[in-house]
Structures are given as C-alpha cells and as structure tokens.
C-alpha atoms as a PDB file:
ATOM      1  CA  MET A   1     -24.864 155.996 -44.250  1.00  0.00           C
ATOM      2  CA  ASN A   2     -22.845 153.053 -42.916  1.00  0.00           C
ATOM      3  CA  LEU A   3     -24.986 149.965 -43.493  1.00  0.00           C
ATOM      4  CA  LYS A   4     -22.944 147.899 -41.055  1.00  0.00           C
ATOM      5  CA  THR A   5     -24.076 150.035 -38.114  1.00  0.00           C
ATOM      6  CA  LEU A   6     -27.782 149.523 -38.855  1.00  0.00           C
ATOM      7  CA  ASN A   7     -30.111 146.730 -37.911  1.00  0.00           C
ATOM      8  CA  ARG A   8     -32.894 145.592 -40.235  1.00  0.00           C
ATOM      9  CA  PHE A   9     -35.524 147.762 -38.557  1.00  0.00           C
ATOM     10  CA  GLN A  10     -33.442 150.937 -38.857  1.00  0.00           C
ATOM     11  CA  ALA A  11     -32.642 150.149 -42.475  1.00  0.00           C
ATOM     12  CA  SER A  12     -36.292 149.498 -43.263  1.00  0.00           C
ATOM     13  CA  GLY A  13     -37.308 152.721 -41.501  1.00  0.00           C
ATOM     14  CA  ALA A  14     -34.761 154.757 -43.474  1.00  0.00           C
ATOM     15  CA  HIS A  15     -36.004 153.138 -46.677  1.00  0.00           C
ATOM     16  CA  LEU A  16     -39.580 153.984 -45.696  1.00  0.00           C
ATOM     17  CA  LEU A  17     -38.701 157.655 -45.107  1.00  0.00           C
ATOM     18  CA  ALA A  18     -36.939 157.903 -48.465  1.00  0.00           C
ATOM     19  CA  SER A  19     -39.815 156.175 -50.250  1.00  0.00           C
ATOM     20  CA  GLY A  20     -42.317 158.464 -48.564  1.00  0.00           C
ATOM     21  CA  GLY A  21     -40.421 161.556 -49.697  1.00  0.00           C
ATOM     22  CA  VAL A  22     -40.324 160.362 -53.300  1.00  0.00           C
ATOM     23  CA  ALA A  23     -44.014 159.471 -53.099  1.00  0.00           C
ATOM     24  CA  LEU A  24     -44.922 162.963 -51.869  1.00  0.00           C
ATOM     25  CA  LEU A  25     -43.018 164.563 -54.736  1.00  0.00           C
ATOM     26  CA  SER A  26     -44.733 162.230 -57.213  1.00  0.00           C
ATOM     27  CA  ALA A  27     -48.165 162.959 -55.757  1.00  0.00           C
ATOM     28  CA  ALA A  28     -47.507 166.713 -55.978  1.00  0.00           C
ATOM     29  CA  LEU A  29     -46.551 166.325 -59.635  1.00  0.00           C
ATOM     30  CA  VAL A  30     -49.719 164.370 -60.433  1.00  0.00           C
ATOM     31  CA  PHE A  31     -52.328 166.140 -58.304  1.00  0.00           C
ATOM     32  CA  LEU A  32     -51.048 169.713 -58.464  1.00  0.00           C
ATOM     33  CA  LEU A  33     -49.696 169.859 -62.005  1.00  0.00           C
ATOM     34  CA  TRP A  34     -51.154 167.188 -64.307  1.00  0.00           C
ATOM     35  CA  TYR A  35     -54.556 166.687 -62.641  1.00  0.00           C
ATOM     36  CA  PRO A  36     -55.203 169.882 -60.670  1.00  0.00           C
ATOM     37  CA  GLY A  37     -58.235 170.419 -58.477  1.00  0.00           C
ATOM     38  CA  SER A  38     -61.098 168.009 -59.023  1.00  0.00           C
ATOM     39  CA  LEU A  39     -59.725 166.628 -62.295  1.00  0.00           C
ATOM     40  CA  ALA A  40     -58.066 163.679 -60.573  1.00  0.00           C
ATOM     41  CA  TYR A  41     -61.472 162.614 -59.246  1.00  0.00           C
ATOM     42  CA  ALA A  42     -63.157 163.348 -62.581  1.00  0.00           C
ATOM     43  CA  SER A  43     -60.593 161.270 -64.457  1.00  0.00           C
ATOM     44  CA  GLY A  44     -60.581 158.364 -62.008  1.00  0.00           C
ATOM     45  CA  VAL A  45     -56.829 158.574 -61.494  1.00  0.00           C
ATOM     46  CA  ALA A  46     -56.783 159.401 -57.779  1.00  0.00           C
ATOM     47  CA  SER A  47     -57.602 155.970 -56.365  1.00  0.00           C
ATOM     48  CA  ILE A  48     -55.472 154.099 -58.909  1.00  0.00           C
ATOM     49  CA  PHE A  49     -52.348 156.222 -58.510  1.00  0.00           C
ATOM     50  CA  LEU A  50     -52.614 156.350 -54.721  1.00  0.00           C
ATOM     51  CA  MET A  51     -52.869 152.556 -54.679  1.00  0.00           C
ATOM     52  CA  VAL A  52     -49.726 152.322 -56.846  1.00  0.00           C
ATOM     53  CA  LEU A  53     -47.939 154.713 -54.502  1.00  0.00           C
ATOM     54  CA  GLY A  54     -49.107 152.798 -51.444  1.00  0.00           C
ATOM     55  CA  VAL A  55     -47.843 149.482 -52.777  1.00  0.00           C
ATOM     56  CA  ASP A  56     -44.574 151.026 -53.946  1.00  0.00           C
ATOM     57  CA  VAL A  57     -43.898 152.801 -50.649  1.00  0.00           C
ATOM     58  CA  THR A  58     -44.652 149.785 -48.440  1.00  0.00           C
ATOM     59  CA  LEU A  59     -43.251 146.958 -50.549  1.00  0.00           C
ATOM     60  CA  GLY A  60     -39.694 148.310 -50.842  1.00  0.00           C
ATOM     61  CA  PRO A  61     -39.157 148.869 -47.106  1.00  0.00           C
ATOM     62  CA  LEU A  62     -40.806 145.500 -46.394  1.00  0.00           C
ATOM     63  CA  ILE A  63     -38.354 143.713 -48.699  1.00  0.00           C
ATOM     64  CA  THR A  64     -35.507 145.620 -47.041  1.00  0.00           C
ATOM     65  CA  LEU A  65     -36.750 144.425 -43.655  1.00  0.00           C
ATOM     66  CA  ILE A  66     -36.693 140.832 -44.883  1.00  0.00           C
ATOM     67  CA  ILE A  67     -33.344 140.755 -46.710  1.00  0.00           C
ATOM     68  CA  PHE A  68     -31.269 143.183 -44.630  1.00  0.00           C
ATOM     69  CA  ASN A  69     -28.268 141.587 -42.989  1.00  0.00           C
ATOM     70  CA  PRO A  70     -25.179 143.767 -42.423  1.00  0.00           C
ATOM     71  CA  LYS A  71     -22.958 140.655 -42.658  1.00  0.00           C
ATOM     72  CA  LYS A  72     -24.006 139.868 -46.237  1.00  0.00           C
ATOM     73  CA  LYS A  73     -21.358 140.667 -48.827  1.00  0.00           C
ATOM     74  CA  GLU A  74     -24.010 141.248 -51.502  1.00  0.00           C
ATOM     75  CA  LEU A  75     -26.108 143.563 -49.319  1.00  0.00           C
ATOM     76  CA  LYS A  76     -25.443 146.761 -51.313  1.00  0.00           C
ATOM     77  CA  PHE A  77     -26.229 144.996 -54.575  1.00  0.00           C
ATOM     78  CA  ASP A  78     -29.441 143.524 -53.141  1.00  0.00           C
ATOM     79  CA  LEU A  79     -30.597 146.918 -51.876  1.00  0.00           C
ATOM     80  CA  LEU A  80     -29.735 148.530 -55.207  1.00  0.00           C
ATOM     81  CA  VAL A  81     -31.876 145.970 -57.040  1.00  0.00           C
ATOM     82  CA  VAL A  82     -34.783 146.633 -54.652  1.00  0.00           C
ATOM     83  CA  ALA A  83     -34.480 150.397 -55.180  1.00  0.00           C
ATOM     84  CA  LEU A  84     -34.289 150.039 -58.979  1.00  0.00           C
ATOM     85  CA  VAL A  85     -37.351 147.799 -59.096  1.00  0.00           C
ATOM     86  CA  GLN A  86     -39.195 150.225 -56.830  1.00  0.00           C
ATOM     87  CA  LEU A  87     -38.261 153.210 -59.017  1.00  0.00           C
ATOM     88  CA  ALA A  88     -39.195 151.335 -62.182  1.00  0.00           C
ATOM     89  CA  ALA A  89     -42.663 150.627 -60.784  1.00  0.00           C
ATOM     90  CA  LEU A  90     -43.055 154.276 -59.780  1.00  0.00           C
ATOM     91  CA  PHE A  91     -41.933 155.588 -63.174  1.00  0.00           C
ATOM     92  CA  TYR A  92     -44.315 153.194 -64.898  1.00  0.00           C
ATOM     93  CA  GLY A  93     -47.176 154.536 -62.805  1.00  0.00           C
ATOM     94  CA  LEU A  94     -46.152 158.132 -63.521  1.00  0.00           C
ATOM     95  CA  HIS A  95     -45.857 157.436 -67.236  1.00  0.00           C
ATOM     96  CA  THR A  96     -49.309 155.834 -67.275  1.00  0.00           C
ATOM     97  CA  VAL A  97     -51.022 158.850 -65.700  1.00  0.00           C
ATOM     98  CA  PHE A  98     -48.930 161.305 -67.753  1.00  0.00           C
ATOM     99  CA  VAL A  99     -49.953 159.930 -71.158  1.00  0.00           C
ATOM    100  CA  ALA A 100     -53.611 160.053 -70.073  1.00  0.00           C
ATOM    101  CA  ARG A 101     -53.482 163.505 -68.444  1.00  0.00           C
ATOM    102  CA  PRO A 102     -56.159 166.145 -69.187  1.00  0.00           C
ATOM    103  CA  VAL A 103     -54.845 168.598 -71.777  1.00  0.00           C
ATOM    104  CA  TYR A 104     -57.942 170.575 -72.782  1.00  0.00           C
ATOM    105  CA  LEU A 105     -61.191 171.714 -71.211  1.00  0.00           C
ATOM    106  CA  VAL A 106     -63.281 172.329 -74.307  1.00  0.00           C
ATOM    107  CA  PHE A 107     -66.466 174.399 -74.206  1.00  0.00           C
ATOM    108  CA  ASN A 108     -68.929 173.103 -76.784  1.00  0.00           C
ATOM    109  CA  THR A 109     -72.483 174.454 -77.116  1.00  0.00           C
ATOM    110  CA  ASP A 110     -73.650 174.104 -73.506  1.00  0.00           C
ATOM    111  CA  ARG A 111     -70.999 172.138 -71.634  1.00  0.00           C
ATOM    112  CA  PHE A 112     -67.293 171.514 -71.191  1.00  0.00           C
ATOM    113  CA  ASP A 113     -65.572 168.275 -72.168  1.00  0.00           C
ATOM    114  CA  VAL A 114     -62.280 167.030 -70.777  1.00  0.00           C
ATOM    115  CA  VAL A 115     -59.942 165.982 -73.587  1.00  0.00           C
ATOM    116  CA  TYR A 116     -57.050 163.750 -72.591  1.00  0.00           C
ATOM    117  CA  ALA A 117     -53.578 163.482 -74.113  1.00  0.00           C
ATOM    118  CA  ASN A 118     -54.214 159.959 -75.384  1.00  0.00           C
ATOM    119  CA  ASP A 119     -57.436 161.101 -77.091  1.00  0.00           C
ATOM    120  CA  LEU A 120     -55.437 163.103 -79.648  1.00  0.00           C
ATOM    121  CA  SER A 121     -53.014 161.688 -82.181  1.00  0.00           C
ATOM    122  CA  ARG A 122     -50.158 163.606 -83.744  1.00  0.00           C
ATOM    123  CA  GLU A 123     -52.223 163.663 -86.940  1.00  0.00           C
ATOM    124  CA  ASP A 124     -55.075 165.357 -85.041  1.00  0.00           C
ATOM    125  CA  LEU A 125     -52.719 167.953 -83.583  1.00  0.00           C
ATOM    126  CA  ASN A 126     -51.094 168.696 -86.933  1.00  0.00           C
ATOM    127  CA  LYS A 127     -54.502 169.871 -88.182  1.00  0.00           C
ATOM    128  CA  ALA A 128     -54.817 172.369 -85.339  1.00  0.00           C
ATOM    129  CA  GLY A 129     -53.780 175.990 -85.238  1.00  0.00           C
ATOM    130  CA  ALA A 130     -50.275 176.843 -84.102  1.00  0.00           C
ATOM    131  CA  ASP A 131     -51.412 177.455 -80.497  1.00  0.00           C
ATOM    132  CA  ASN A 132     -52.839 173.944 -80.129  1.00  0.00           C
ATOM    133  CA  ARG A 133     -50.271 171.715 -81.812  1.00  0.00           C
ATOM    134  CA  ASN A 134     -48.360 170.931 -78.634  1.00  0.00           C
ATOM    135  CA  LEU A 135     -49.967 169.442 -75.563  1.00  0.00           C
ATOM    136  CA  SER A 136     -49.539 171.232 -72.272  1.00  0.00           C
ATOM    137  CA  TRP A 137     -47.344 169.689 -69.572  1.00  0.00           C
ATOM    138  CA  PHE A 138     -48.676 172.035 -66.916  1.00  0.00           C
ATOM    139  CA  GLY A 139     -52.390 171.372 -66.574  1.00  0.00           C
ATOM    140  CA  PRO A 140     -55.193 171.591 -69.135  1.00  0.00           C
ATOM    141  CA  GLN A 141     -55.870 174.616 -71.345  1.00  0.00           C
ATOM    142  CA  THR A 142     -59.395 176.038 -71.497  1.00  0.00           C
ATOM    143  CA  VAL A 143     -60.559 176.488 -75.082  1.00  0.00           C
ATOM    144  CA  ALA A 144     -63.802 176.396 -77.061  1.00  0.00           C
ATOM    145  CA  ALA A 145     -64.812 174.394 -80.117  1.00  0.00           C
ATOM    146  CA  ARG A 146     -66.508 176.311 -82.912  1.00  0.00           C
ATOM    147  CA  LEU A 147     -68.435 174.339 -85.508  1.00  0.00           C
ATOM    148  CA  PRO A 148     -67.460 175.155 -89.108  1.00  0.00           C
ATOM    149  CA  ASP A 149     -69.765 177.257 -91.269  1.00  0.00           C
ATOM    150  CA  ASP A 150     -69.541 174.754 -94.115  1.00  0.00           C
ATOM    151  CA  ALA A 151     -72.587 172.447 -94.016  1.00  0.00           C
ATOM    152  CA  LYS A 152     -70.652 169.490 -95.435  1.00  0.00           C
ATOM    153  CA  ALA A 153     -68.020 169.767 -92.712  1.00  0.00           C
ATOM    154  CA  ARG A 154     -70.696 170.075 -90.014  1.00  0.00           C
ATOM    155  CA  ASN A 155     -72.451 166.967 -91.323  1.00  0.00           C
ATOM    156  CA  ALA A 156     -69.145 165.080 -91.321  1.00  0.00           C
ATOM    157  CA  ILE A 157     -68.665 165.942 -87.633  1.00  0.00           C
ATOM    158  CA  LEU A 158     -72.217 164.856 -86.837  1.00  0.00           C
ATOM    159  CA  PHE A 159     -71.777 161.562 -88.689  1.00  0.00           C
ATOM    160  CA  SER A 160     -68.466 160.933 -86.904  1.00  0.00           C
ATOM    161  CA  ALA A 161     -70.067 161.519 -83.483  1.00  0.00           C
ATOM    162  CA  ILE A 162     -73.106 159.337 -84.258  1.00  0.00           C
ATOM    163  CA  SER A 163     -70.939 156.496 -85.554  1.00  0.00           C
ATOM    164  CA  GLY A 164     -68.784 156.456 -82.402  1.00  0.00           C
ATOM    165  CA  GLY A 165     -65.904 158.546 -83.726  1.00  0.00           C
ATOM    166  CA  ALA A 166     -64.622 161.902 -82.569  1.00  0.00           C
ATOM    167  CA  ASP A 167     -67.013 164.766 -81.920  1.00  0.00           C
ATOM    168  CA  VAL A 168     -65.982 168.385 -82.370  1.00  0.00           C
ATOM    169  CA  GLN A 169     -64.314 168.544 -78.946  1.00  0.00           C
ATOM    170  CA  GLY A 170     -61.884 165.868 -80.158  1.00  0.00           C
ATOM    171  CA  MET A 171     -60.953 167.821 -83.303  1.00  0.00           C
ATOM    172  CA  PRO A 172     -58.303 170.431 -82.452  1.00  0.00           C
ATOM    173  CA  GLN A 173     -58.637 172.121 -85.853  1.00  0.00           C
ATOM    174  CA  TYR A 174     -61.897 173.624 -84.590  1.00  0.00           C
ATOM    175  CA  TYR A 175     -60.486 174.941 -81.307  1.00  0.00           C
ATOM    176  CA  VAL A 176     -60.639 178.673 -80.715  1.00  0.00           C
ATOM    177  CA  PRO A 177     -59.721 180.733 -77.643  1.00  0.00           C
ATOM    178  CA  TYR A 178     -62.360 180.353 -74.951  1.00  0.00           C
ATOM    179  CA  THR A 179     -62.814 184.120 -74.930  1.00  0.00           C
ATOM    180  CA  GLU A 180     -64.453 183.903 -78.373  1.00  0.00           C
ATOM    181  CA  LEU A 181     -67.384 181.858 -77.002  1.00  0.00           C
ATOM    182  CA  GLN A 182     -67.277 183.048 -73.406  1.00  0.00           C
ATOM    183  CA  SER A 183     -70.492 185.043 -73.865  1.00  0.00           C
ATOM    184  CA  VAL A 184     -72.240 181.888 -75.125  1.00  0.00           C
ATOM    185  CA  ALA A 185     -71.123 180.015 -72.011  1.00  0.00           C
ATOM    186  CA  ALA A 186     -72.521 182.833 -69.880  1.00  0.00           C
ATOM    187  CA  GLN A 187     -75.878 182.546 -71.648  1.00  0.00           C
ATOM    188  CA  ARG A 188     -75.954 178.760 -71.155  1.00  0.00           C
ATOM    189  CA  ALA A 189     -75.125 178.931 -67.448  1.00  0.00           C
ATOM    190  CA  GLN A 190     -77.824 177.659 -65.101  1.00  0.00           C
ATOM    191  CA  PRO A 191     -78.441 179.121 -61.631  1.00  0.00           C
ATOM    192  CA  LEU A 192     -76.514 177.475 -58.808  1.00  0.00           C
ATOM    193  CA  THR A 193     -79.780 176.787 -56.984  1.00  0.00           C
ATOM    194  CA  ALA A 194     -80.589 174.195 -59.671  1.00  0.00           C
ATOM    195  CA  LEU A 195     -77.825 172.040 -58.192  1.00  0.00           C
ATOM    196  CA  HIS A 196     -80.028 171.277 -55.180  1.00  0.00           C
ATOM    197  CA  ASP A 197     -82.334 169.029 -57.190  1.00  0.00           C
ATOM    198  CA  LEU A 198     -79.378 167.336 -58.868  1.00  0.00           C
ATOM    199  CA  ASN A 199     -77.477 166.769 -55.604  1.00  0.00           C
ATOM    200  CA  PRO A 200     -79.977 166.236 -52.770  1.00  0.00           C
ATOM    201  CA  ASP A 201     -77.194 164.655 -50.680  1.00  0.00           C
ATOM    202  CA  LYS A 202     -74.959 167.736 -50.920  1.00  0.00           C
ATOM    203  CA  THR A 203     -77.358 170.540 -50.045  1.00  0.00           C
ATOM    204  CA  LEU A 204     -75.103 172.042 -47.379  1.00  0.00           C
ATOM    205  CA  GLY A 205     -72.105 172.231 -49.720  1.00  0.00           C
ATOM    206  CA  ILE A 206     -74.221 173.874 -52.419  1.00  0.00           C
ATOM    207  CA  ASP A 207     -75.534 176.445 -49.947  1.00  0.00           C
ATOM    208  CA  VAL A 208     -71.949 177.270 -48.952  1.00  0.00           C
ATOM    209  CA  LEU A 209     -71.050 177.696 -52.634  1.00  0.00           C
ATOM    210  CA  ILE A 210     -74.015 179.999 -53.266  1.00  0.00           C
ATOM    211  CA  LYS A 211     -73.288 182.153 -50.212  1.00  0.00           C
ATOM    212  CA  LYS A 212     -69.623 182.378 -51.205  1.00  0.00           C
ATOM    213  CA  TYR A 213     -70.442 184.112 -54.482  1.00  0.00           C
ATOM    214  CA  GLU A 214     -73.286 186.146 -53.035  1.00  0.00           C
ATOM    215  CA  SER A 215     -70.837 187.589 -50.521  1.00  0.00           C
ATOM    216  CA  GLN A 216     -68.515 188.488 -53.402  1.00  0.00           C
ATOM    217  CA  LYS A 217     -71.441 190.029 -55.303  1.00  0.00           C
ATOM    218  CA  ILE A 218     -70.846 187.693 -58.254  1.00  0.00           C
ATOM    219  CA  ASP A 219     -73.819 186.391 -60.220  1.00  0.00           C
ATOM    220  CA  ALA A 220     -72.575 182.820 -60.501  1.00  0.00           C
ATOM    221  CA  GLY A 221     -74.057 179.969 -62.508  1.00  0.00           C
ATOM    222  CA  PHE A 222     -72.870 176.625 -63.797  1.00  0.00           C
ATOM    223  CA  VAL A 223     -72.477 174.459 -66.864  1.00  0.00           C
ATOM    224  CA  PRO A 224     -71.719 170.717 -66.843  1.00  0.00           C
ATOM    225  CA  LEU A 225     -68.297 169.231 -67.443  1.00  0.00           C
ATOM    226  CA  LYS A 226     -68.171 165.786 -69.061  1.00  0.00           C
ATOM    227  CA  ALA A 227     -65.197 163.717 -67.923  1.00  0.00           C
ATOM    228  CA  LYS A 228     -63.981 160.158 -68.291  1.00  0.00           C
ATOM    229  CA  VAL A 229     -65.239 158.777 -64.966  1.00  0.00           C
ATOM    230  CA  ASN A 230     -67.009 161.428 -62.868  1.00  0.00           C
ATOM    231  CA  ASP A 231     -68.665 164.536 -64.305  1.00  0.00           C
ATOM    232  CA  LEU A 232     -68.134 167.874 -62.583  1.00  0.00           C
ATOM    233  CA  THR A 233     -69.798 171.263 -62.332  1.00  0.00           C
ATOM    234  CA  VAL A 234     -68.017 174.301 -63.777  1.00  0.00           C
ATOM    235  CA  VAL A 235     -68.950 177.502 -61.966  1.00  0.00           C
ATOM    236  CA  LEU A 236     -69.053 180.598 -64.191  1.00  0.00           C
ATOM    237  CA  ASP A 237     -69.644 184.299 -63.822  1.00  0.00           C
ATOM    238  CA  LYS A 238     -73.023 184.618 -65.581  1.00  0.00           C
ATOM    239  CA  LYS A 239     -72.206 188.146 -66.740  1.00  0.00           C
ATOM    240  CA  THR A 240     -68.867 187.432 -68.353  1.00  0.00           C
ATOM    241  CA  GLY A 241     -68.598 183.645 -68.726  1.00  0.00           C
ATOM    242  CA  THR A 242     -65.326 183.647 -66.774  1.00  0.00           C
ATOM    243  CA  VAL A 243     -64.563 180.225 -65.279  1.00  0.00           C
ATOM    244  CA  LEU A 244     -64.465 180.573 -61.497  1.00  0.00           C
ATOM    245  CA  GLU A 245     -63.898 177.007 -60.335  1.00  0.00           C
ATOM    246  CA  MET A 246     -64.797 173.333 -60.790  1.00  0.00           C
ATOM    247  CA  VAL A 247     -66.684 171.537 -58.048  1.00  0.00           C
ATOM    248  CA  ASP A 248     -67.677 167.964 -57.340  1.00  0.00           C
ATOM    249  CA  PHE A 249     -71.432 168.267 -57.826  1.00  0.00           C
ATOM    250  CA  ARG A 250     -73.528 166.340 -60.331  1.00  0.00           C
ATOM    251  CA  PRO A 251     -74.361 168.733 -63.182  1.00  0.00           C
ATOM    252  CA  TRP A 252     -77.257 166.713 -64.608  1.00  0.00           C
ATOM    253  CA  LYS A 253     -79.611 163.849 -63.858  1.00  0.00           C
END
C-alpha cells in the first residue's frame, strides 16, 4: 500500500479493517477455544475482554486519523509505533485471559466446579496423575474428584476447605476420569422442571430446554456448576450421567 496516495480517512479506515480482523481472530481464540460456550459468562471474562478489544480496535485507527500526513518523513515510523503499542495491548489482554482460563470441570459429590489455570501451581500439578500434570490449551477437561479412603487425608482436605484453602476440586492428585463417578452424577441430577422455581424470569427458555430433550427421548436432569462469577446449570442424561450441555440458568437459590 502506497501511503502517499492515501488521505487520513482512507488510512484510518484501512487501519480499522485490519484491527477488526485481528480482533475477530482474537475473539475466536478466546470464546471458541479457551472459554467455550457459557464459560466466558460464567468466568466474567466476556465483558472485560470485549471492552479491551473495543478500546484496542478504535484507539489505533483514531490515532492514525489524527497523526496521518503523507508529507511527513517519519510517517512510517509513527504508524509502526502505533501498531506495536496496539499489538502489545492486545497481547497483554490475551495473556491475562489465557493464564486465567478454565482448565477443569470437576464433578465433586453433587456439583461441578470450574478450576482455572491460575488456581493450580506447578507443585499442585506435580502431585497429580500423569494425565493431569499438563493443563489443556484447548478448553477445559471434564474430570471427577474422588475423596481418599484414608480418614486422616479426608480430614486434612476438610480442614483446608474450612480454613479457606483448597478443597478437593483444587487438588489434582484426587482427580479421576469423570466416567468413574458418572453414575453418581446421574443419581444426583435434579429434574429440569425444578429450574422453574430457581429461574422465574426464564420460564420460556426452560420450557424450550425441556421439550428439546423430550423430543429426543432423553431423560435429562441437571446439577449445578460453581464458577468464579456466574454459576451455570449442567444438563445431564439421568440414565448415564453423560454431560449434554451447560446453560445459563441459576442452579440454586
């Protein structure tokens, strides 16, 4: 692109298109890969990251509009500085949401908990089994937490939770494949109709959800999912415990 043939409005428009393309790719990475489905809402990252993107996308082209002058000898350098600052801000935002991404959905007793990458230290992960020592880059893994048989170890977990430390869902050494406790999840599942009392403002959406699984002849129920900002409802097959989906309904009072 020959900068000398552009006016400031054309240059700013081209910058806006480029920034928008990068923003779309970044949003796809965050909302489709790191925080899929309702997890962006549950984790509170959606509004924050979209605000960062909005500022980043608009500020760069605005600065270009202000400083662009094809007669300036330093124009290329000035535009390069603007682009580098813009990219640095974007990468900072991406890094922030990456280090706090959901890495595990942990079934524990009667609910799921979202465990985030920054909840687990390398020391925690080193205690885990081989399958759970490396955090996923491609969305959270669904696992279960099984309490140890040893009474002393169980009491230590209880004391840690009561005193504000990690509970069993934050201790990867107790993670097992979800399939091992899938039948327990099925037993704990509540009927979808119970969501009406918990979400009186979303009755229509709940009815649609119920009819969806009735039409598929699936006996669906739900268990709560505890997240950082907004709790979700995990829909299960009540016969098998298979996770069907996560929906934005309150799972408890």
